[in-house]
N, C-alpha and C. Protein backbone atom coordinates (compact mmCIF):
# COMPACT_ATOMS: atom_id res chain seq x y z
N MET A 1 161.31 -122.66 101.85
CA MET A 1 159.86 -122.57 101.64
C MET A 1 159.40 -123.61 100.62
N LYS A 2 160.21 -123.78 99.52
CA LYS A 2 159.87 -124.76 98.50
C LYS A 2 159.88 -126.17 99.06
N LYS A 3 160.86 -126.43 99.97
CA LYS A 3 160.95 -127.76 100.58
C LYS A 3 159.70 -128.04 101.41
N ILE A 4 159.25 -127.03 102.16
CA ILE A 4 158.05 -127.20 102.99
C ILE A 4 156.84 -127.48 102.11
N PHE A 5 156.73 -126.73 100.99
CA PHE A 5 155.61 -126.93 100.07
C PHE A 5 155.66 -128.32 99.46
N SER A 6 156.88 -128.79 99.13
CA SER A 6 157.03 -130.12 98.56
C SER A 6 156.59 -131.19 99.54
N VAL A 7 156.94 -131.03 100.81
CA VAL A 7 156.54 -131.99 101.85
C VAL A 7 155.03 -132.01 101.98
N ILE A 8 154.41 -130.82 101.94
CA ILE A 8 152.95 -130.73 102.04
C ILE A 8 152.29 -131.45 100.87
N GLN A 9 152.87 -131.29 99.66
CA GLN A 9 152.32 -131.97 98.48
C GLN A 9 152.40 -133.48 98.63
N ILE A 10 153.54 -133.97 99.15
CA ILE A 10 153.72 -135.40 99.34
C ILE A 10 152.72 -135.95 100.36
N LEU A 11 152.55 -135.21 101.47
CA LEU A 11 151.59 -135.64 102.49
C LEU A 11 150.17 -135.66 101.94
N ALA A 12 149.83 -134.64 101.14
CA ALA A 12 148.50 -134.58 100.55
C ALA A 12 148.27 -135.76 99.62
N LEU A 13 149.29 -136.11 98.84
CA LEU A 13 149.18 -137.25 97.93
C LEU A 13 149.00 -138.55 98.69
N LEU A 14 149.73 -138.69 99.81
CA LEU A 14 149.60 -139.90 100.62
C LEU A 14 148.20 -140.04 101.20
N VAL A 15 147.62 -138.92 101.64
CA VAL A 15 146.25 -138.94 102.16
C VAL A 15 145.28 -139.38 101.08
N ILE A 16 145.46 -138.83 99.86
CA ILE A 16 144.60 -139.21 98.73
C ILE A 16 144.73 -140.69 98.43
N LEU A 17 145.96 -141.18 98.44
CA LEU A 17 146.20 -142.60 98.16
C LEU A 17 145.50 -143.50 99.18
N LEU A 18 145.61 -143.12 100.44
CA LEU A 18 144.96 -143.92 101.49
C LEU A 18 143.45 -143.91 101.35
N LEU A 19 142.90 -142.74 101.00
CA LEU A 19 141.45 -142.62 100.85
C LEU A 19 140.93 -143.46 99.69
N ILE A 20 141.71 -143.48 98.60
CA ILE A 20 141.28 -144.25 97.42
C ILE A 20 141.62 -145.72 97.57
N TYR A 21 142.82 -146.00 98.09
CA TYR A 21 143.30 -147.38 98.12
C TYR A 21 142.47 -148.27 99.05
N GLY A 22 142.12 -147.73 100.22
CA GLY A 22 141.39 -148.54 101.18
C GLY A 22 140.12 -149.18 100.63
N PRO A 23 139.18 -148.36 100.12
CA PRO A 23 137.94 -148.95 99.59
C PRO A 23 138.17 -149.88 98.41
N LEU A 24 139.09 -149.51 97.49
CA LEU A 24 139.32 -150.35 96.31
C LEU A 24 139.96 -151.68 96.68
N ALA A 25 140.85 -151.66 97.67
CA ALA A 25 141.48 -152.91 98.10
C ALA A 25 140.47 -153.79 98.84
N LYS A 26 139.59 -153.15 99.59
CA LYS A 26 138.59 -153.89 100.37
C LYS A 26 137.65 -154.69 99.49
N ILE A 27 137.28 -154.09 98.34
CA ILE A 27 136.35 -154.79 97.45
C ILE A 27 137.08 -155.70 96.46
N GLY A 28 138.42 -155.70 96.50
CA GLY A 28 139.15 -156.63 95.65
C GLY A 28 139.62 -156.07 94.33
N LEU A 29 139.38 -154.78 94.07
CA LEU A 29 139.83 -154.21 92.81
C LEU A 29 141.34 -154.02 92.81
N LEU A 30 141.91 -153.75 93.98
CA LEU A 30 143.36 -153.59 94.12
C LEU A 30 143.87 -154.55 95.19
N PRO A 31 145.17 -154.92 95.12
CA PRO A 31 145.72 -155.85 96.11
C PRO A 31 145.78 -155.22 97.50
N SER A 32 145.70 -156.05 98.52
CA SER A 32 145.80 -155.55 99.88
C SER A 32 147.22 -155.10 100.16
N LEU A 33 147.39 -154.26 101.18
CA LEU A 33 148.72 -153.76 101.51
C LEU A 33 149.71 -154.88 101.84
N PRO A 34 149.32 -155.92 102.61
CA PRO A 34 150.26 -157.01 102.89
C PRO A 34 150.75 -157.70 101.62
N SER A 35 149.86 -157.84 100.62
CA SER A 35 150.27 -158.52 99.40
C SER A 35 151.28 -157.69 98.62
N LEU A 36 151.21 -156.37 98.77
CA LEU A 36 152.19 -155.52 98.09
C LEU A 36 153.60 -155.76 98.61
N PHE A 37 153.72 -155.99 99.93
CA PHE A 37 155.03 -156.21 100.52
C PHE A 37 155.58 -157.59 100.18
N ARG A 38 154.69 -158.50 99.75
CA ARG A 38 155.17 -159.82 99.34
C ARG A 38 155.69 -159.81 97.92
N GLY A 39 155.53 -158.67 97.23
CA GLY A 39 156.06 -158.57 95.87
C GLY A 39 155.06 -159.05 94.86
N GLY A 40 155.47 -158.96 93.58
CA GLY A 40 154.59 -159.40 92.50
C GLY A 40 153.83 -158.23 91.92
N ALA A 41 153.39 -158.39 90.69
CA ALA A 41 152.67 -157.32 90.01
C ALA A 41 151.24 -157.21 90.53
N PRO A 42 150.69 -156.00 90.55
CA PRO A 42 149.31 -155.83 90.97
C PRO A 42 148.39 -156.65 90.07
N LYS A 43 147.35 -157.20 90.65
CA LYS A 43 146.42 -158.02 89.89
C LYS A 43 145.02 -157.42 89.98
N ILE A 44 144.43 -157.20 88.81
CA ILE A 44 143.09 -156.66 88.76
C ILE A 44 142.23 -157.60 87.93
N GLU A 45 141.16 -158.07 88.50
CA GLU A 45 140.26 -158.96 87.78
C GLU A 45 139.22 -158.12 87.05
N ASP A 46 139.09 -158.33 85.73
CA ASP A 46 138.13 -157.58 84.94
C ASP A 46 136.80 -158.34 84.89
N THR A 47 136.03 -158.21 85.96
CA THR A 47 134.75 -158.93 86.03
C THR A 47 133.64 -157.97 86.35
N PRO A 48 132.41 -158.26 85.85
CA PRO A 48 131.26 -157.41 86.16
C PRO A 48 130.99 -157.30 87.65
N VAL A 49 131.32 -158.36 88.40
CA VAL A 49 131.09 -158.33 89.85
C VAL A 49 131.94 -157.25 90.51
N ILE A 50 133.22 -157.16 90.11
CA ILE A 50 134.12 -156.15 90.67
C ILE A 50 133.62 -154.75 90.32
N ILE A 51 133.20 -154.57 89.06
CA ILE A 51 132.69 -153.27 88.65
C ILE A 51 131.47 -152.88 89.47
N GLN A 52 130.59 -153.84 89.73
CA GLN A 52 129.40 -153.57 90.53
C GLN A 52 129.78 -153.13 91.94
N GLN A 53 130.84 -153.73 92.50
CA GLN A 53 131.29 -153.34 93.83
C GLN A 53 131.91 -151.95 93.82
N VAL A 54 132.60 -151.62 92.73
CA VAL A 54 133.19 -150.29 92.62
C VAL A 54 132.09 -149.23 92.61
N LYS A 55 130.96 -149.56 92.01
CA LYS A 55 129.85 -148.62 91.94
C LYS A 55 129.37 -148.21 93.33
N ASN A 56 129.59 -149.09 94.30
CA ASN A 56 129.15 -148.79 95.66
C ASN A 56 129.94 -147.64 96.28
N ILE A 57 131.14 -147.37 95.74
CA ILE A 57 131.92 -146.22 96.21
C ILE A 57 131.21 -144.93 95.80
N ALA A 58 130.46 -145.03 94.69
CA ALA A 58 129.53 -144.00 94.22
C ALA A 58 130.19 -142.77 93.60
N GLN A 59 130.92 -141.97 94.38
CA GLN A 59 131.39 -140.70 93.84
C GLN A 59 132.84 -140.42 94.21
N MET A 60 133.53 -139.73 93.32
CA MET A 60 134.90 -139.30 93.59
C MET A 60 134.94 -137.78 93.38
N PHE A 61 135.15 -137.04 94.46
CA PHE A 61 135.19 -135.58 94.38
C PHE A 61 136.59 -135.13 93.97
N THR A 62 136.68 -134.20 93.01
CA THR A 62 138.00 -133.74 92.59
C THR A 62 138.15 -132.22 92.58
N GLN A 63 137.05 -131.49 92.68
CA GLN A 63 137.16 -130.03 92.62
C GLN A 63 136.03 -129.38 93.41
N THR A 64 136.36 -128.29 94.10
CA THR A 64 135.36 -127.53 94.85
C THR A 64 135.48 -126.05 94.49
N PHE A 65 134.34 -125.44 94.21
CA PHE A 65 134.29 -124.03 93.83
C PHE A 65 133.49 -123.27 94.89
N TYR A 66 134.14 -122.33 95.57
CA TYR A 66 133.47 -121.54 96.61
C TYR A 66 132.91 -120.26 95.99
N ASP A 67 131.70 -119.91 96.39
CA ASP A 67 131.06 -118.75 95.77
C ASP A 67 130.26 -117.95 96.80
N GLU A 68 130.05 -116.70 96.48
CA GLU A 68 129.22 -115.81 97.29
C GLU A 68 128.43 -114.94 96.35
N TYR A 69 127.14 -114.81 96.62
CA TYR A 69 126.28 -114.08 95.67
C TYR A 69 125.23 -113.26 96.43
N VAL A 70 125.03 -112.02 95.97
CA VAL A 70 123.99 -111.17 96.55
C VAL A 70 122.74 -111.30 95.67
N TYR A 71 121.70 -111.90 96.23
CA TYR A 71 120.47 -112.16 95.48
C TYR A 71 119.43 -111.11 95.80
N ASP A 72 118.92 -110.45 94.76
CA ASP A 72 117.92 -109.40 94.93
C ASP A 72 116.68 -109.79 94.13
N THR A 73 115.57 -109.99 94.78
CA THR A 73 114.35 -110.38 94.09
C THR A 73 113.75 -109.22 93.29
N GLY A 74 114.20 -108.02 93.59
CA GLY A 74 113.55 -106.86 92.98
C GLY A 74 112.19 -106.65 93.65
N LEU A 75 111.48 -105.64 93.22
CA LEU A 75 110.17 -105.35 93.81
C LEU A 75 109.15 -106.38 93.35
N ILE A 76 108.54 -107.06 94.30
CA ILE A 76 107.51 -108.05 94.00
C ILE A 76 106.15 -107.39 94.22
N ARG A 77 105.44 -107.13 93.13
CA ARG A 77 104.15 -106.46 93.24
C ARG A 77 103.08 -107.45 93.71
N THR A 78 102.26 -106.99 94.60
CA THR A 78 101.21 -107.82 95.19
C THR A 78 99.84 -107.23 94.85
N PRO A 79 98.74 -107.95 95.13
CA PRO A 79 97.39 -107.44 94.83
C PRO A 79 97.14 -106.08 95.49
N LEU A 80 96.16 -105.39 94.96
CA LEU A 80 95.79 -104.06 95.46
C LEU A 80 95.51 -104.09 96.97
N PHE A 81 95.92 -103.04 97.64
CA PHE A 81 95.76 -102.87 99.10
C PHE A 81 96.69 -103.80 99.91
N THR A 82 97.64 -104.43 99.25
CA THR A 82 98.61 -105.27 99.95
C THR A 82 100.01 -104.71 99.68
N ALA A 83 100.82 -104.63 100.72
CA ALA A 83 102.16 -104.05 100.57
C ALA A 83 103.02 -104.90 99.63
N ASN A 84 103.75 -104.21 98.75
CA ASN A 84 104.69 -104.91 97.88
C ASN A 84 105.82 -105.53 98.70
N LYS A 85 106.53 -106.49 98.09
CA LYS A 85 107.56 -107.22 98.84
C LYS A 85 108.91 -107.16 98.12
N ARG A 86 109.95 -107.36 98.89
CA ARG A 86 111.29 -107.43 98.31
C ARG A 86 112.21 -108.15 99.29
N LEU A 87 113.11 -108.96 98.72
CA LEU A 87 114.07 -109.69 99.57
C LEU A 87 115.46 -109.61 98.95
N ILE A 88 116.41 -109.22 99.76
CA ILE A 88 117.82 -109.24 99.35
C ILE A 88 118.58 -110.07 100.39
N PHE A 89 119.26 -111.10 99.92
CA PHE A 89 120.05 -111.91 100.85
C PHE A 89 121.40 -112.26 100.23
N ILE A 90 122.32 -112.59 101.10
CA ILE A 90 123.65 -113.01 100.66
C ILE A 90 123.75 -114.52 100.85
N ALA A 91 124.11 -115.21 99.77
CA ALA A 91 124.26 -116.66 99.83
C ALA A 91 125.74 -117.03 99.71
N LYS A 92 126.18 -117.92 100.58
CA LYS A 92 127.56 -118.40 100.55
C LYS A 92 127.54 -119.92 100.53
N GLY A 93 128.30 -120.52 99.61
CA GLY A 93 128.29 -121.97 99.54
C GLY A 93 129.40 -122.49 98.64
N GLU A 94 129.25 -123.75 98.24
CA GLU A 94 130.27 -124.38 97.41
C GLU A 94 129.64 -125.33 96.39
N VAL A 95 130.30 -125.44 95.26
CA VAL A 95 129.89 -126.37 94.21
C VAL A 95 130.94 -127.47 94.15
N ILE A 96 130.49 -128.72 94.24
CA ILE A 96 131.41 -129.86 94.27
C ILE A 96 131.26 -130.64 92.97
N SER A 97 132.39 -130.90 92.32
CA SER A 97 132.35 -131.67 91.08
C SER A 97 133.27 -132.87 91.17
N GLY A 98 133.06 -133.81 90.28
CA GLY A 98 133.88 -135.02 90.27
C GLY A 98 133.27 -136.05 89.34
N PHE A 99 133.31 -137.32 89.77
CA PHE A 99 132.86 -138.40 88.91
C PHE A 99 131.85 -139.29 89.61
N ASP A 100 130.83 -139.68 88.87
CA ASP A 100 129.83 -140.62 89.37
C ASP A 100 130.25 -142.02 88.96
N LEU A 101 130.86 -142.77 89.88
CA LEU A 101 131.40 -144.09 89.56
C LEU A 101 130.32 -145.15 89.38
N SER A 102 129.07 -144.80 89.66
CA SER A 102 128.00 -145.77 89.44
C SER A 102 127.77 -146.01 87.95
N GLU A 103 128.36 -145.16 87.11
CA GLU A 103 128.21 -145.31 85.67
C GLU A 103 129.24 -146.27 85.06
N LEU A 104 130.16 -146.77 85.87
CA LEU A 104 131.17 -147.71 85.36
C LEU A 104 130.50 -149.02 84.93
N ASN A 105 131.10 -149.67 83.95
CA ASN A 105 130.64 -150.99 83.54
C ASN A 105 131.84 -151.91 83.34
N GLU A 106 131.58 -153.13 82.86
CA GLU A 106 132.66 -154.13 82.77
C GLU A 106 133.74 -153.76 81.76
N LYS A 107 133.48 -152.76 80.91
CA LYS A 107 134.48 -152.34 79.93
C LYS A 107 135.25 -151.10 80.38
N SER A 108 134.99 -150.64 81.59
CA SER A 108 135.59 -149.39 82.06
C SER A 108 137.04 -149.52 82.48
N ILE A 109 137.46 -150.72 82.90
CA ILE A 109 138.84 -150.93 83.34
C ILE A 109 139.45 -152.09 82.57
N ILE A 110 140.52 -151.82 81.85
CA ILE A 110 141.22 -152.84 81.07
C ILE A 110 142.66 -152.90 81.54
N ARG A 111 143.10 -154.08 81.95
CA ARG A 111 144.46 -154.24 82.47
C ARG A 111 145.19 -155.35 81.75
N ARG A 112 146.38 -155.06 81.26
CA ARG A 112 147.24 -156.05 80.62
C ARG A 112 148.65 -155.89 81.20
N ASP A 113 149.07 -156.90 81.94
CA ASP A 113 150.40 -156.86 82.59
C ASP A 113 150.57 -155.56 83.38
N LYS A 114 151.51 -154.71 82.94
CA LYS A 114 151.77 -153.47 83.67
C LYS A 114 151.15 -152.26 82.97
N SER A 115 150.14 -152.52 82.15
CA SER A 115 149.41 -151.44 81.49
C SER A 115 147.96 -151.45 81.96
N ILE A 116 147.39 -150.28 82.14
CA ILE A 116 146.00 -150.19 82.56
C ILE A 116 145.32 -149.03 81.86
N VAL A 117 144.09 -149.26 81.44
CA VAL A 117 143.27 -148.22 80.82
C VAL A 117 142.01 -148.08 81.67
N VAL A 118 141.73 -146.86 82.12
CA VAL A 118 140.55 -146.60 82.94
C VAL A 118 139.67 -145.60 82.20
N LYS A 119 138.44 -146.00 81.90
CA LYS A 119 137.50 -145.14 81.19
C LYS A 119 136.48 -144.60 82.20
N LEU A 120 136.63 -143.34 82.55
CA LEU A 120 135.74 -142.71 83.50
C LEU A 120 134.56 -142.04 82.79
N PRO A 121 133.45 -141.84 83.48
CA PRO A 121 132.36 -141.03 82.91
C PRO A 121 132.79 -139.57 82.89
N PRO A 122 132.07 -138.70 82.20
CA PRO A 122 132.44 -137.27 82.19
C PRO A 122 132.37 -136.68 83.59
N ALA A 123 133.23 -135.69 83.86
CA ALA A 123 133.14 -134.97 85.13
C ALA A 123 131.81 -134.22 85.16
N ARG A 124 131.22 -134.13 86.35
CA ARG A 124 129.93 -133.46 86.46
C ARG A 124 129.79 -132.77 87.81
N ILE A 125 128.82 -131.89 87.92
CA ILE A 125 128.51 -131.26 89.20
C ILE A 125 127.81 -132.31 90.06
N LEU A 126 128.39 -132.62 91.20
CA LEU A 126 127.82 -133.63 92.09
C LEU A 126 126.92 -133.04 93.16
N ASP A 127 127.21 -131.80 93.55
CA ASP A 127 126.38 -131.19 94.59
C ASP A 127 126.62 -129.69 94.65
N VAL A 128 125.59 -128.97 95.03
CA VAL A 128 125.70 -127.54 95.33
C VAL A 128 125.26 -127.39 96.77
N VAL A 129 126.19 -127.01 97.63
CA VAL A 129 125.92 -126.99 99.07
C VAL A 129 125.86 -125.56 99.59
N ILE A 130 124.68 -125.19 100.08
CA ILE A 130 124.52 -123.91 100.79
C ILE A 130 123.82 -124.25 102.10
N ASN A 131 124.54 -124.26 103.17
CA ASN A 131 123.96 -124.57 104.48
C ASN A 131 123.01 -123.45 104.91
N PRO A 132 122.08 -123.77 105.80
CA PRO A 132 121.15 -122.72 106.28
C PRO A 132 121.88 -121.48 106.77
N SER A 133 123.04 -121.68 107.41
CA SER A 133 123.81 -120.53 107.90
C SER A 133 124.45 -119.76 106.76
N GLY A 134 124.42 -120.34 105.53
CA GLY A 134 125.01 -119.67 104.38
C GLY A 134 124.10 -118.62 103.76
N PHE A 135 122.86 -118.55 104.25
CA PHE A 135 121.91 -117.53 103.78
C PHE A 135 121.81 -116.42 104.82
N GLU A 136 122.16 -115.22 104.44
CA GLU A 136 122.10 -114.09 105.37
C GLU A 136 121.18 -113.02 104.79
N THR A 137 120.04 -112.79 105.45
CA THR A 137 119.08 -111.79 104.97
C THR A 137 119.64 -110.39 105.17
N PHE A 138 119.63 -109.61 104.07
CA PHE A 138 120.15 -108.25 104.12
C PHE A 138 118.99 -107.25 104.21
N ILE A 139 118.00 -107.43 103.35
CA ILE A 139 116.80 -106.58 103.38
C ILE A 139 115.58 -107.45 103.15
N GLU A 140 114.56 -107.28 103.98
CA GLU A 140 113.30 -107.99 103.77
C GLU A 140 112.16 -107.00 103.98
N VAL A 141 111.40 -106.79 102.91
CA VAL A 141 110.26 -105.88 102.96
C VAL A 141 109.01 -106.69 102.70
N GLY A 142 108.01 -106.57 103.55
CA GLY A 142 106.79 -107.34 103.39
C GLY A 142 106.98 -108.76 103.91
N GLU A 143 105.95 -109.56 103.77
CA GLU A 143 105.99 -110.93 104.29
C GLU A 143 106.35 -111.91 103.17
N ILE A 144 107.55 -112.48 103.27
CA ILE A 144 108.01 -113.47 102.29
C ILE A 144 107.56 -114.86 102.77
N THR A 145 106.78 -115.54 101.93
CA THR A 145 106.28 -116.86 102.32
C THR A 145 107.39 -117.91 102.26
N PHE A 146 107.13 -119.05 102.88
CA PHE A 146 108.10 -120.15 102.88
C PHE A 146 108.36 -120.63 101.46
N GLU A 147 107.29 -120.76 100.65
CA GLU A 147 107.45 -121.22 99.27
C GLU A 147 108.27 -120.24 98.44
N GLU A 148 108.05 -118.93 98.65
CA GLU A 148 108.82 -117.92 97.93
C GLU A 148 110.29 -117.99 98.34
N SER A 149 110.54 -118.10 99.64
CA SER A 149 111.91 -118.19 100.14
C SER A 149 112.63 -119.42 99.57
N LYS A 150 111.91 -120.54 99.53
CA LYS A 150 112.48 -121.78 99.00
C LYS A 150 112.85 -121.61 97.52
N LYS A 151 111.98 -120.95 96.76
CA LYS A 151 112.25 -120.72 95.33
C LYS A 151 113.48 -119.84 95.15
N PHE A 152 113.61 -118.78 95.95
CA PHE A 152 114.76 -117.88 95.83
C PHE A 152 116.06 -118.61 96.17
N HIS A 153 116.01 -119.47 97.19
CA HIS A 153 117.20 -120.23 97.57
C HIS A 153 117.60 -121.22 96.47
N GLU A 154 116.61 -121.84 95.80
CA GLU A 154 116.91 -122.73 94.68
C GLU A 154 117.50 -121.95 93.52
N ASP A 155 117.01 -120.74 93.31
CA ASP A 155 117.58 -119.87 92.27
C ASP A 155 119.06 -119.61 92.56
N ALA A 156 119.40 -119.36 93.83
CA ALA A 156 120.78 -119.11 94.21
C ALA A 156 121.66 -120.33 93.91
N ARG A 157 121.13 -121.52 94.17
CA ARG A 157 121.88 -122.74 93.86
C ARG A 157 122.15 -122.87 92.36
N ARG A 158 121.15 -122.55 91.56
CA ARG A 158 121.33 -122.61 90.10
C ARG A 158 122.36 -121.59 89.63
N ILE A 159 122.38 -120.42 90.28
CA ILE A 159 123.37 -119.40 89.94
C ILE A 159 124.77 -119.88 90.29
N PHE A 160 124.91 -120.53 91.45
CA PHE A 160 126.21 -121.09 91.85
C PHE A 160 126.68 -122.12 90.83
N ASP A 161 125.76 -122.98 90.42
CA ASP A 161 126.06 -124.02 89.42
C ASP A 161 126.55 -123.38 88.13
N ARG A 162 125.82 -122.37 87.66
CA ARG A 162 126.18 -121.68 86.42
C ARG A 162 127.54 -120.99 86.54
N ASN A 163 127.78 -120.29 87.65
CA ASN A 163 129.05 -119.60 87.85
C ASN A 163 130.23 -120.57 87.85
N ALA A 164 130.04 -121.72 88.50
CA ALA A 164 131.11 -122.71 88.57
C ALA A 164 131.45 -123.26 87.19
N ARG A 165 130.41 -123.50 86.39
CA ARG A 165 130.64 -124.01 85.03
C ARG A 165 131.37 -122.97 84.19
N GLU A 166 130.95 -121.70 84.34
CA GLU A 166 131.60 -120.63 83.57
C GLU A 166 133.06 -120.46 83.96
N LYS A 167 133.39 -120.79 85.20
CA LYS A 167 134.78 -120.68 85.67
C LYS A 167 135.61 -121.92 85.31
N GLY A 168 134.98 -122.90 84.63
CA GLY A 168 135.72 -124.06 84.16
C GLY A 168 135.88 -125.18 85.17
N ILE A 169 134.92 -125.30 86.10
CA ILE A 169 135.06 -126.32 87.14
C ILE A 169 135.10 -127.73 86.56
N LEU A 170 134.33 -128.01 85.51
CA LEU A 170 134.29 -129.36 84.96
C LEU A 170 135.60 -129.72 84.25
N LYS A 171 136.15 -128.78 83.52
CA LYS A 171 137.43 -129.01 82.86
C LYS A 171 138.53 -129.24 83.89
N ASN A 172 138.56 -128.40 84.93
CA ASN A 172 139.57 -128.55 85.98
C ASN A 172 139.38 -129.86 86.75
N SER A 173 138.12 -130.21 86.97
CA SER A 173 137.81 -131.45 87.69
C SER A 173 138.31 -132.66 86.93
N ALA A 174 138.07 -132.68 85.61
CA ALA A 174 138.51 -133.80 84.78
C ALA A 174 140.03 -133.91 84.79
N GLU A 175 140.71 -132.78 84.67
CA GLU A 175 142.17 -132.81 84.64
C GLU A 175 142.76 -133.27 85.97
N GLN A 176 142.16 -132.79 87.07
CA GLN A 176 142.66 -133.19 88.38
C GLN A 176 142.40 -134.68 88.62
N GLY A 177 141.25 -135.16 88.18
CA GLY A 177 140.94 -136.58 88.32
C GLY A 177 141.91 -137.43 87.53
N ARG A 178 142.24 -136.98 86.31
CA ARG A 178 143.19 -137.71 85.47
C ARG A 178 144.57 -137.78 86.14
N GLN A 179 145.05 -136.64 86.62
CA GLN A 179 146.38 -136.60 87.24
C GLN A 179 146.42 -137.45 88.51
N MET A 180 145.36 -137.36 89.32
CA MET A 180 145.32 -138.09 90.58
C MET A 180 145.35 -139.60 90.35
N LEU A 181 144.52 -140.08 89.40
CA LEU A 181 144.48 -141.52 89.14
C LEU A 181 145.75 -142.01 88.45
N GLU A 182 146.32 -141.18 87.59
CA GLU A 182 147.56 -141.58 86.93
C GLU A 182 148.69 -141.76 87.94
N LYS A 183 148.83 -140.81 88.85
CA LYS A 183 149.86 -140.93 89.90
C LYS A 183 149.60 -142.15 90.76
N PHE A 184 148.33 -142.36 91.08
CA PHE A 184 147.94 -143.47 91.93
C PHE A 184 148.35 -144.81 91.33
N PHE A 185 147.98 -145.04 90.06
CA PHE A 185 148.28 -146.33 89.43
C PHE A 185 149.77 -146.49 89.14
N ARG A 186 150.48 -145.40 88.87
CA ARG A 186 151.93 -145.51 88.66
C ARG A 186 152.63 -145.90 89.96
N LEU A 187 152.14 -145.37 91.08
CA LEU A 187 152.71 -145.76 92.36
C LEU A 187 152.47 -147.24 92.66
N LEU A 188 151.42 -147.80 92.07
CA LEU A 188 151.13 -149.22 92.24
C LEU A 188 152.02 -150.10 91.37
N GLY A 189 152.78 -149.47 90.47
CA GLY A 189 153.70 -150.26 89.64
C GLY A 189 153.33 -150.34 88.18
N PHE A 190 152.23 -149.73 87.78
CA PHE A 190 151.86 -149.76 86.37
C PHE A 190 152.76 -148.80 85.59
N GLU A 191 153.31 -149.29 84.48
CA GLU A 191 154.21 -148.47 83.68
C GLU A 191 153.47 -147.65 82.63
N SER A 192 152.36 -148.15 82.17
CA SER A 192 151.54 -147.43 81.20
C SER A 192 150.14 -147.22 81.78
N VAL A 193 149.76 -145.96 81.94
CA VAL A 193 148.45 -145.62 82.52
C VAL A 193 147.73 -144.67 81.56
N ASP A 194 146.56 -145.06 81.14
CA ASP A 194 145.77 -144.22 80.24
C ASP A 194 144.41 -143.97 80.87
N ILE A 195 144.16 -142.73 81.27
CA ILE A 195 142.89 -142.35 81.88
C ILE A 195 142.05 -141.63 80.82
N ILE A 196 140.95 -142.23 80.41
CA ILE A 196 140.11 -141.67 79.37
C ILE A 196 138.87 -141.01 80.00
N ILE A 197 138.70 -139.71 79.74
CA ILE A 197 137.55 -138.98 80.29
C ILE A 197 136.87 -138.21 79.17
N PRO A 198 135.63 -138.56 78.85
CA PRO A 198 134.91 -137.81 77.81
C PRO A 198 134.69 -136.37 78.23
N GLU A 199 134.54 -135.49 77.25
CA GLU A 199 134.32 -134.07 77.55
C GLU A 199 132.94 -133.87 78.16
N SER A 200 132.88 -133.05 79.19
CA SER A 200 131.60 -132.77 79.86
C SER A 200 130.76 -131.84 79.02
N ARG A 201 129.44 -131.99 79.13
CA ARG A 201 128.52 -131.11 78.39
C ARG A 201 127.77 -130.19 79.35
């Protein structure tokens, strides 16, 4: 069983490497695969142009938090002679965290021989995804307007965001990003890899 799990881990790492390596090699931040087979140390040019191209990759996802929440508006009192309203629905979705690479600048990557220092921005919540099918109405009393429904759904997204933060998604995201990039650059031949990530707020 352990051998099977180890193989799965290796395959997962290879998939991650291919996903990261392709775009970075294409823009010139990392050597192409053919050049790796010709030997020689990896070469990274520390230029603002390269950093600007890296920004086009935009985001690196490292953690996903799945959540389910029962949202109850409580009794919504309406004007006299109008029926009061109430809505209870179940929301299911995910919170995605990682890094916004558009914040990189020319000082973010420093390379000397077989040593590399990568300064990432803080890990942050990149998206809260609740698809329309993720909202299931449980109780609806009275006529809920579109604007009211939209507000309740936005409230659910904020609750998902808060729950994910309380569960440590940003801390876990930063650590996973650090480990992933460290393994990646060591596989490229770098002997010293330092991934610097400021604490998220």
